């Protein structure tokens, strides 16, 4: 998106924020959801999130961080800024070991620093990418979490790894123009976000890992005023680019 259109993104973020405030009474308590607990409408896009086996490094609940309000708020923004048929409740939580994951072309994964994949989960993840699924990995910082993520991915793709993406990659300029990959840096624990990309056999980005960043925090907390509007807007704009890429490549 060109800079001249940035005010439009601001207005849409504010609209989403207002909607979120109206529905956030009683919001904020931590709970651990069960896969399949949501009943999404039959929309064109239903965003998936995976539950996977964990090593307990952060309490066995990292996969559930920011769920479901990060999904709800992102879906609202997608609905307001694209022609994709989606509603706020268009999300689903799934076990990575389940065959149901192959029905959802866009998936979000939280806290891979706690990931400890079973053989079935590793096989499913490999097959998901092979079939053309798009995986957004988010919410992990520090070398120990990166090392664990890399170790887990080597069990899935021993012949290929994730490599840093630069701002000139078309995925950052697909629907909205992202002009600064460091825009969220002052508001995340890592300090300097790194976007790691994994390419499929066709040379397309099949997965992005947001190391030293946490997009879902920005999505989840848009109705709290936790972060300034500009980095929050960047997080939503980036999320839409990834979703549209997943649905068109």
C-alpha atoms as a PDB file:
ATOM      1  CA  UNK A   1       0.000   0.000   0.000  1.00  0.00           C
ATOM      2  CA  UNK A   2       1.358   3.410  -0.881  1.00  0.00           C
ATOM      3  CA  UNK A   3       1.983   5.956   1.832  1.00  0.00           C
ATOM      4  CA  UNK A   4      -0.860   8.105   0.503  1.00  0.00           C
ATOM      5  CA  UNK A   5      -3.283   5.317   1.418  1.00  0.00           C
ATOM      6  CA  UNK A   6      -1.916   4.862   4.920  1.00  0.00           C
ATOM      7  CA  UNK A   7      -4.693   6.982   6.549  1.00  0.00           C
ATOM      8  CA  UNK A   8      -7.225   4.465   5.198  1.00  0.00           C
ATOM      9  CA  UNK A   9      -5.445   1.694   7.063  1.00  0.00           C
ATOM     10  CA  UNK A  10      -5.554   3.847  10.197  1.00  0.00           C
ATOM     11  CA  UNK A  11      -9.312   4.287   9.891  1.00  0.00           C
ATOM     12  CA  UNK A  12      -9.835   0.574   9.370  1.00  0.00           C
ATOM     13  CA  UNK A  13      -7.684  -0.252  12.395  1.00  0.00           C
ATOM     14  CA  UNK A  14      -9.717   2.184  14.476  1.00  0.00           C
ATOM     15  CA  UNK A  15     -12.914   0.546  13.264  1.00  0.00           C
ATOM     16  CA  UNK A  16     -11.597  -2.857  14.272  1.00  0.00           C
ATOM     17  CA  UNK A  17     -10.494  -1.448  17.618  1.00  0.00           C
ATOM     18  CA  UNK A  18     -13.958  -0.074  18.324  1.00  0.00           C
ATOM     19  CA  UNK A  19     -15.542  -3.418  17.473  1.00  0.00           C
ATOM     20  CA  UNK A  20     -13.091  -5.209  19.715  1.00  0.00           C
ATOM     21  CA  UNK A  21     -13.777  -2.935  22.671  1.00  0.00           C
ATOM     22  CA  UNK A  22     -17.491  -3.583  22.336  1.00  0.00           C
ATOM     23  CA  UNK A  23     -16.989  -7.335  22.549  1.00  0.00           C
ATOM     24  CA  UNK A  24     -14.153  -7.459  25.084  1.00  0.00           C
ATOM     25  CA  UNK A  25     -16.094  -7.411  28.361  1.00  0.00           C
ATOM     26  CA  UNK A  26     -14.820 -10.225  30.508  1.00  0.00           C
ATOM     27  CA  UNK A  27     -11.894 -10.643  28.105  1.00  0.00           C
ATOM     28  CA  UNK A  28      -8.338 -11.366  29.114  1.00  0.00           C
ATOM     29  CA  UNK A  29      -8.591 -14.481  31.279  1.00  0.00           C
ATOM     30  CA  UNK A  30      -6.191 -17.260  30.300  1.00  0.00           C
ATOM     31  CA  UNK A  31      -7.704 -20.547  29.281  1.00  0.00           C
ATOM     32  CA  UNK A  32      -6.520 -23.513  27.290  1.00  0.00           C
ATOM     33  CA  UNK A  33      -8.977 -24.228  24.463  1.00  0.00           C
ATOM     34  CA  UNK A  34      -9.735 -27.610  22.961  1.00  0.00           C
ATOM     35  CA  UNK A  35      -9.353 -28.318  19.229  1.00  0.00           C
ATOM     36  CA  UNK A  36     -12.662 -28.097  17.416  1.00  0.00           C
ATOM     37  CA  UNK A  37     -14.201 -25.977  20.183  1.00  0.00           C
ATOM     38  CA  UNK A  38     -15.103 -23.232  17.705  1.00  0.00           C
ATOM     39  CA  UNK A  39     -17.776 -23.694  15.026  1.00  0.00           C
ATOM     40  CA  UNK A  40     -16.691 -21.418  12.174  1.00  0.00           C
ATOM     41  CA  UNK A  41     -19.142 -20.264   9.498  1.00  0.00           C
ATOM     42  CA  UNK A  42     -18.820 -21.694   5.991  1.00  0.00           C
ATOM     43  CA  UNK A  43     -16.718 -18.816   4.652  1.00  0.00           C
ATOM     44  CA  UNK A  44     -14.088 -18.751   1.932  1.00  0.00           C
ATOM     45  CA  UNK A  45     -11.321 -18.308   4.504  1.00  0.00           C
ATOM     46  CA  UNK A  46     -11.120 -20.181   7.787  1.00  0.00           C
ATOM     47  CA  UNK A  47      -7.781 -19.591   9.471  1.00  0.00           C
ATOM     48  CA  UNK A  48      -6.381 -22.573  11.325  1.00  0.00           C
ATOM     49  CA  UNK A  49      -4.198 -22.775  14.408  1.00  0.00           C
ATOM     50  CA  UNK A  50      -2.349 -25.921  15.472  1.00  0.00           C
ATOM     51  CA  UNK A  51      -1.937 -27.563  18.840  1.00  0.00           C
ATOM     52  CA  UNK A  52       1.241 -29.654  18.940  1.00  0.00           C
ATOM     53  CA  UNK A  53       3.219 -31.650  21.482  1.00  0.00           C
ATOM     54  CA  UNK A  54       5.342 -29.402  23.682  1.00  0.00           C
ATOM     55  CA  UNK A  55       8.512 -29.729  25.746  1.00  0.00           C
ATOM     56  CA  UNK A  56       7.081 -27.736  28.655  1.00  0.00           C
ATOM     57  CA  UNK A  57       9.637 -24.929  28.442  1.00  0.00           C
ATOM     58  CA  UNK A  58       6.885 -22.320  28.833  1.00  0.00           C
ATOM     59  CA  UNK A  59       4.186 -24.328  30.562  1.00  0.00           C
ATOM     60  CA  UNK A  60       2.812 -26.444  27.691  1.00  0.00           C
ATOM     61  CA  UNK A  61       0.416 -23.665  26.599  1.00  0.00           C
ATOM     62  CA  UNK A  62       2.515 -21.627  24.167  1.00  0.00           C
ATOM     63  CA  UNK A  63       0.511 -22.909  21.192  1.00  0.00           C
ATOM     64  CA  UNK A  64      -2.582 -21.174  22.632  1.00  0.00           C
ATOM     65  CA  UNK A  65      -1.110 -17.699  23.215  1.00  0.00           C
ATOM     66  CA  UNK A  66      -3.394 -14.846  22.074  1.00  0.00           C
ATOM     67  CA  UNK A  67      -6.123 -17.293  20.991  1.00  0.00           C
ATOM     68  CA  UNK A  68      -8.808 -16.563  19.890  1.00  0.00           C
ATOM     69  CA  UNK A  69      -8.813 -12.756  19.852  1.00  0.00           C
ATOM     70  CA  UNK A  70      -5.808 -12.470  17.575  1.00  0.00           C
ATOM     71  CA  UNK A  71      -7.745 -14.541  15.027  1.00  0.00           C
ATOM     72  CA  UNK A  72     -10.980 -12.621  15.592  1.00  0.00           C
ATOM     73  CA  UNK A  73      -9.402  -9.196  15.173  1.00  0.00           C
ATOM     74  CA  UNK A  74      -7.323 -10.207  12.152  1.00  0.00           C
ATOM     75  CA  UNK A  75     -10.404 -11.700  10.475  1.00  0.00           C
ATOM     76  CA  UNK A  76     -12.286  -8.445  11.059  1.00  0.00           C
ATOM     77  CA  UNK A  77      -9.508  -6.515   9.372  1.00  0.00           C
ATOM     78  CA  UNK A  78      -9.403  -8.945   6.444  1.00  0.00           C
ATOM     79  CA  UNK A  79     -13.172  -8.601   6.065  1.00  0.00           C
ATOM     80  CA  UNK A  80     -12.936  -4.800   6.021  1.00  0.00           C
ATOM     81  CA  UNK A  81     -10.009  -4.463   3.612  1.00  0.00           C
ATOM     82  CA  UNK A  82     -10.342  -7.274   1.069  1.00  0.00           C
ATOM     83  CA  UNK A  83     -13.009  -9.089  -0.919  1.00  0.00           C
ATOM     84  CA  UNK A  84     -12.276 -12.349   0.853  1.00  0.00           C
ATOM     85  CA  UNK A  85     -15.405 -13.957   2.262  1.00  0.00           C
ATOM     86  CA  UNK A  86     -14.564 -14.130   5.971  1.00  0.00           C
ATOM     87  CA  UNK A  87     -16.237 -13.356   9.297  1.00  0.00           C
ATOM     88  CA  UNK A  88     -14.809 -12.715  12.734  1.00  0.00           C
ATOM     89  CA  UNK A  89     -15.493 -16.309  13.818  1.00  0.00           C
ATOM     90  CA  UNK A  90     -13.792 -17.836  10.754  1.00  0.00           C
ATOM     91  CA  UNK A  91     -11.068 -19.658  12.662  1.00  0.00           C
ATOM     92  CA  UNK A  92     -10.470 -23.192  13.865  1.00  0.00           C
ATOM     93  CA  UNK A  93      -8.136 -24.879  16.339  1.00  0.00           C
ATOM     94  CA  UNK A  94      -6.772 -28.252  15.238  1.00  0.00           C
ATOM     95  CA  UNK A  95      -4.384 -30.930  16.435  1.00  0.00           C
ATOM     96  CA  UNK A  96      -1.343 -31.001  14.165  1.00  0.00           C
ATOM     97  CA  UNK A  97      -1.524 -34.796  14.191  1.00  0.00           C
ATOM     98  CA  UNK A  98      -5.041 -34.740  12.712  1.00  0.00           C
ATOM     99  CA  UNK A  99      -5.853 -35.164   9.026  1.00  0.00           C
ATOM    100  CA  UNK A 100      -8.177 -32.156   9.332  1.00  0.00           C
ATOM    101  CA  UNK A 101      -5.228 -29.783   8.951  1.00  0.00           C
ATOM    102  CA  UNK A 102      -5.178 -30.396   5.191  1.00  0.00           C
ATOM    103  CA  UNK A 103      -8.563 -28.686   4.793  1.00  0.00           C
ATOM    104  CA  UNK A 104      -7.156 -25.274   5.766  1.00  0.00           C
ATOM    105  CA  UNK A 105      -4.722 -23.445   3.415  1.00  0.00           C
ATOM    106  CA  UNK A 106      -3.572 -20.848   5.992  1.00  0.00           C
ATOM    107  CA  UNK A 107      -2.339 -21.824   9.451  1.00  0.00           C
ATOM    108  CA  UNK A 108      -0.905 -19.930  12.418  1.00  0.00           C
ATOM    109  CA  UNK A 109       1.544 -21.525  14.887  1.00  0.00           C
ATOM    110  CA  UNK A 110       2.524 -19.919  18.190  1.00  0.00           C
ATOM    111  CA  UNK A 111       5.656 -20.396  20.325  1.00  0.00           C
ATOM    112  CA  UNK A 112       7.730 -22.931  18.359  1.00  0.00           C
ATOM    113  CA  UNK A 113      10.349 -22.629  21.072  1.00  0.00           C
ATOM    114  CA  UNK A 114       8.161 -25.090  22.975  1.00  0.00           C
ATOM    115  CA  UNK A 115       7.596 -27.401  20.010  1.00  0.00           C
ATOM    116  CA  UNK A 116       8.396 -31.093  20.424  1.00  0.00           C
ATOM    117  CA  UNK A 117       6.863 -32.797  17.403  1.00  0.00           C
ATOM    118  CA  UNK A 118       5.738 -36.402  17.349  1.00  0.00           C
ATOM    119  CA  UNK A 119       6.534 -38.475  14.254  1.00  0.00           C
ATOM    120  CA  UNK A 120       2.951 -38.061  13.055  1.00  0.00           C
ATOM    121  CA  UNK A 121       3.027 -34.297  13.595  1.00  0.00           C
ATOM    122  CA  UNK A 122       6.299 -33.994  11.677  1.00  0.00           C
ATOM    123  CA  UNK A 123       4.887 -36.090   8.846  1.00  0.00           C
ATOM    124  CA  UNK A 124       1.708 -33.984   8.729  1.00  0.00           C
ATOM    125  CA  UNK A 125       3.648 -30.721   8.716  1.00  0.00           C
ATOM    126  CA  UNK A 126       5.816 -31.944   5.838  1.00  0.00           C
ATOM    127  CA  UNK A 127       2.761 -33.079   3.881  1.00  0.00           C
ATOM    128  CA  UNK A 128       0.909 -29.827   4.623  1.00  0.00           C
ATOM    129  CA  UNK A 129       3.682 -27.792   2.997  1.00  0.00           C
ATOM    130  CA  UNK A 130       4.012 -30.279   0.147  1.00  0.00           C
ATOM    131  CA  UNK A 131       0.302 -29.910  -0.665  1.00  0.00           C
ATOM    132  CA  UNK A 132       0.568 -26.121  -0.858  1.00  0.00           C
ATOM    133  CA  UNK A 133      -0.421 -25.021   2.646  1.00  0.00           C
ATOM    134  CA  UNK A 134       0.963 -21.776   4.098  1.00  0.00           C
ATOM    135  CA  UNK A 135       2.303 -21.727   7.645  1.00  0.00           C
ATOM    136  CA  UNK A 136       2.831 -18.550   9.691  1.00  0.00           C
ATOM    137  CA  UNK A 137       5.073 -19.208  12.707  1.00  0.00           C
ATOM    138  CA  UNK A 138       5.103 -16.481  15.335  1.00  0.00           C
ATOM    139  CA  UNK A 139       5.769 -15.458  18.936  1.00  0.00           C
ATOM    140  CA  UNK A 140       9.247 -16.697  19.743  1.00  0.00           C
ATOM    141  CA  UNK A 141      12.372 -14.824  20.754  1.00  0.00           C
ATOM    142  CA  UNK A 142      15.817 -15.583  22.071  1.00  0.00           C
ATOM    143  CA  UNK A 143      18.445 -17.963  20.762  1.00  0.00           C
ATOM    144  CA  UNK A 144      17.150 -20.974  22.699  1.00  0.00           C
ATOM    145  CA  UNK A 145      13.736 -20.697  21.073  1.00  0.00           C
ATOM    146  CA  UNK A 146      15.236 -20.219  17.618  1.00  0.00           C
ATOM    147  CA  UNK A 147      17.504 -23.229  18.148  1.00  0.00           C
ATOM    148  CA  UNK A 148      14.558 -25.392  19.177  1.00  0.00           C
ATOM    149  CA  UNK A 149      12.528 -24.269  16.174  1.00  0.00           C
ATOM    150  CA  UNK A 150      15.412 -24.980  13.802  1.00  0.00           C
ATOM    151  CA  UNK A 151      15.950 -28.388  15.392  1.00  0.00           C
ATOM    152  CA  UNK A 152      12.288 -29.294  14.979  1.00  0.00           C
ATOM    153  CA  UNK A 153      12.227 -28.145  11.364  1.00  0.00           C
ATOM    154  CA  UNK A 154      15.285 -30.287  10.584  1.00  0.00           C
ATOM    155  CA  UNK A 155      13.245 -33.337  11.559  1.00  0.00           C
ATOM    156  CA  UNK A 156      10.595 -32.232   9.045  1.00  0.00           C
ATOM    157  CA  UNK A 157      12.816 -30.900   6.248  1.00  0.00           C
ATOM    158  CA  UNK A 158      16.338 -32.259   6.773  1.00  0.00           C
ATOM    159  CA  UNK A 159      17.409 -31.105   3.315  1.00  0.00           C
ATOM    160  CA  UNK A 160      16.245 -27.477   3.549  1.00  0.00           C
ATOM    161  CA  UNK A 161      15.957 -24.710   6.120  1.00  0.00           C
ATOM    162  CA  UNK A 162      14.497 -21.266   6.751  1.00  0.00           C
ATOM    163  CA  UNK A 163      16.423 -18.232   5.503  1.00  0.00           C
ATOM    164  CA  UNK A 164      15.999 -14.500   6.200  1.00  0.00           C
ATOM    165  CA  UNK A 165      13.661 -12.587   3.902  1.00  0.00           C
ATOM    166  CA  UNK A 166      14.453  -9.004   2.917  1.00  0.00           C
ATOM    167  CA  UNK A 167      11.975  -6.208   2.472  1.00  0.00           C
ATOM    168  CA  UNK A 168      12.178  -6.458  -1.322  1.00  0.00           C
ATOM    169  CA  UNK A 169      10.456  -9.852  -1.246  1.00  0.00           C
ATOM    170  CA  UNK A 170       7.090  -9.511  -3.049  1.00  0.00           C
ATOM    171  CA  UNK A 171       5.223 -10.924  -0.038  1.00  0.00           C
ATOM    172  CA  UNK A 172       5.830  -7.634   1.786  1.00  0.00           C
ATOM    173  CA  UNK A 173       4.257  -5.628  -1.039  1.00  0.00           C
ATOM    174  CA  UNK A 174       1.365  -7.812  -2.146  1.00  0.00           C
ATOM    175  CA  UNK A 175      -1.714  -5.951  -0.880  1.00  0.00           C
ATOM    176  CA  UNK A 176      -0.163  -3.446   1.508  1.00  0.00           C
ATOM    177  CA  UNK A 177       3.307  -1.997   1.133  1.00  0.00           C
ATOM    178  CA  UNK A 178       5.439  -2.693   4.190  1.00  0.00           C
ATOM    179  CA  UNK A 179       8.177  -0.078   4.081  1.00  0.00           C
ATOM    180  CA  UNK A 180      10.005  -0.966   7.304  1.00  0.00           C
ATOM    181  CA  UNK A 181      10.506  -4.471   8.694  1.00  0.00           C
ATOM    182  CA  UNK A 182      11.773  -2.916  11.933  1.00  0.00           C
ATOM    183  CA  UNK A 183       8.606  -0.898  12.612  1.00  0.00           C
ATOM    184  CA  UNK A 184       7.528  -3.233  15.424  1.00  0.00           C
ATOM    185  CA  UNK A 185      11.031  -3.585  16.882  1.00  0.00           C
ATOM    186  CA  UNK A 186      10.658  -1.202  19.867  1.00  0.00           C
ATOM    187  CA  UNK A 187       7.572  -3.068  21.102  1.00  0.00           C
ATOM    188  CA  UNK A 188       8.703  -6.715  21.034  1.00  0.00           C
ATOM    189  CA  UNK A 189      11.106  -8.577  23.356  1.00  0.00           C
ATOM    190  CA  UNK A 190      13.572  -9.485  20.615  1.00  0.00           C
ATOM    191  CA  UNK A 191      14.289  -5.906  19.608  1.00  0.00           C
ATOM    192  CA  UNK A 192      15.088  -6.633  15.933  1.00  0.00           C
ATOM    193  CA  UNK A 193      12.554  -8.889  14.229  1.00  0.00           C
ATOM    194  CA  UNK A 194      13.816 -11.349  11.625  1.00  0.00           C
ATOM    195  CA  UNK A 195      11.453 -12.846   9.048  1.00  0.00           C
ATOM    196  CA  UNK A 196      12.603 -16.310   8.054  1.00  0.00           C
ATOM    197  CA  UNK A 197      11.161 -17.858   4.916  1.00  0.00           C
ATOM    198  CA  UNK A 198      10.837 -21.440   3.729  1.00  0.00           C
ATOM    199  CA  UNK A 199      10.379 -22.049   0.000  1.00  0.00           C
ATOM    200  CA  UNK A 200       8.362 -24.900  -1.470  1.00  0.00           C
ATOM    201  CA  UNK A 201       9.366 -26.948  -4.512  1.00  0.00           C
ATOM    202  CA  UNK A 202       7.974 -24.241  -6.811  1.00  0.00           C
ATOM    203  CA  UNK A 203      10.190 -21.589  -5.210  1.00  0.00           C
ATOM    204  CA  UNK A 204       7.255 -19.863  -3.502  1.00  0.00           C
ATOM    205  CA  UNK A 205       7.188 -18.861   0.152  1.00  0.00           C
ATOM    206  CA  UNK A 206       5.411 -21.692   1.954  1.00  0.00           C
ATOM    207  CA  UNK A 207       6.133 -20.568   5.498  1.00  0.00           C
ATOM    208  CA  UNK A 208       7.251 -17.452   7.324  1.00  0.00           C
ATOM    209  CA  UNK A 209       8.674 -17.553  10.842  1.00  0.00           C
ATOM    210  CA  UNK A 210       8.568 -14.233  12.700  1.00  0.00           C
ATOM    211  CA  UNK A 211      11.581 -14.591  14.988  1.00  0.00           C
ATOM    212  CA  UNK A 212      12.000 -11.980  17.730  1.00  0.00           C
ATOM    213  CA  UNK A 213       8.516 -10.712  16.954  1.00  0.00           C
ATOM    214  CA  UNK A 214       4.913 -11.364  17.983  1.00  0.00           C
ATOM    215  CA  UNK A 215       2.344 -10.343  15.395  1.00  0.00           C
ATOM    216  CA  UNK A 216      -0.457 -11.959  17.396  1.00  0.00           C
ATOM    217  CA  UNK A 217       0.179  -9.644  20.340  1.00  0.00           C
ATOM    218  CA  UNK A 218      -0.588  -6.663  18.107  1.00  0.00           C
ATOM    219  CA  UNK A 219      -3.682  -8.357  16.669  1.00  0.00           C
ATOM    220  CA  UNK A 220      -4.926  -9.533  20.048  1.00  0.00           C
ATOM    221  CA  UNK A 221      -4.410  -6.258  21.918  1.00  0.00           C
ATOM    222  CA  UNK A 222      -5.646  -3.750  19.351  1.00  0.00           C
ATOM    223  CA  UNK A 223      -8.641  -3.044  21.584  1.00  0.00           C
ATOM    224  CA  UNK A 224      -6.443  -2.338  24.622  1.00  0.00           C
ATOM    225  CA  UNK A 225      -4.254   0.426  23.268  1.00  0.00           C
ATOM    226  CA  UNK A 226      -1.177  -1.511  24.370  1.00  0.00           C
ATOM    227  CA  UNK A 227       0.864  -0.471  21.335  1.00  0.00           C
ATOM    228  CA  UNK A 228       0.967   2.656  19.147  1.00  0.00           C
ATOM    229  CA  UNK A 229      -1.184   2.623  16.025  1.00  0.00           C
ATOM    230  CA  UNK A 230       1.596   2.564  13.411  1.00  0.00           C
ATOM    231  CA  UNK A 231       3.275  -0.720  14.483  1.00  0.00           C
ATOM    232  CA  UNK A 232      -0.158  -2.228  15.134  1.00  0.00           C
ATOM    233  CA  UNK A 233      -1.222  -1.237  11.627  1.00  0.00           C
ATOM    234  CA  UNK A 234       1.950  -2.782  10.205  1.00  0.00           C
ATOM    235  CA  UNK A 235       1.178  -6.067  11.990  1.00  0.00           C
ATOM    236  CA  UNK A 236      -2.327  -6.205  10.511  1.00  0.00           C
ATOM    237  CA  UNK A 237      -1.137  -5.205   7.051  1.00  0.00           C
ATOM    238  CA  UNK A 238       1.551  -7.862   7.151  1.00  0.00           C
ATOM    239  CA  UNK A 239      -0.977 -10.485   8.255  1.00  0.00           C
ATOM    240  CA  UNK A 240      -3.217  -9.651   5.296  1.00  0.00           C
ATOM    241  CA  UNK A 241      -0.296  -9.914   2.875  1.00  0.00           C
ATOM    242  CA  UNK A 242       0.472 -13.397   4.192  1.00  0.00           C
ATOM    243  CA  UNK A 243      -3.167 -14.529   3.973  1.00  0.00           C
ATOM    244  CA  UNK A 244      -3.637 -13.252   0.434  1.00  0.00           C
ATOM    245  CA  UNK A 245      -0.340 -14.827  -0.597  1.00  0.00           C
ATOM    246  CA  UNK A 246      -1.473 -18.142   0.887  1.00  0.00           C
ATOM    247  CA  UNK A 247      -4.727 -17.981  -1.091  1.00  0.00           C
ATOM    248  CA  UNK A 248      -3.193 -16.974  -4.424  1.00  0.00           C
ATOM    249  CA  UNK A 249       0.087 -18.919  -4.669  1.00  0.00           C
END
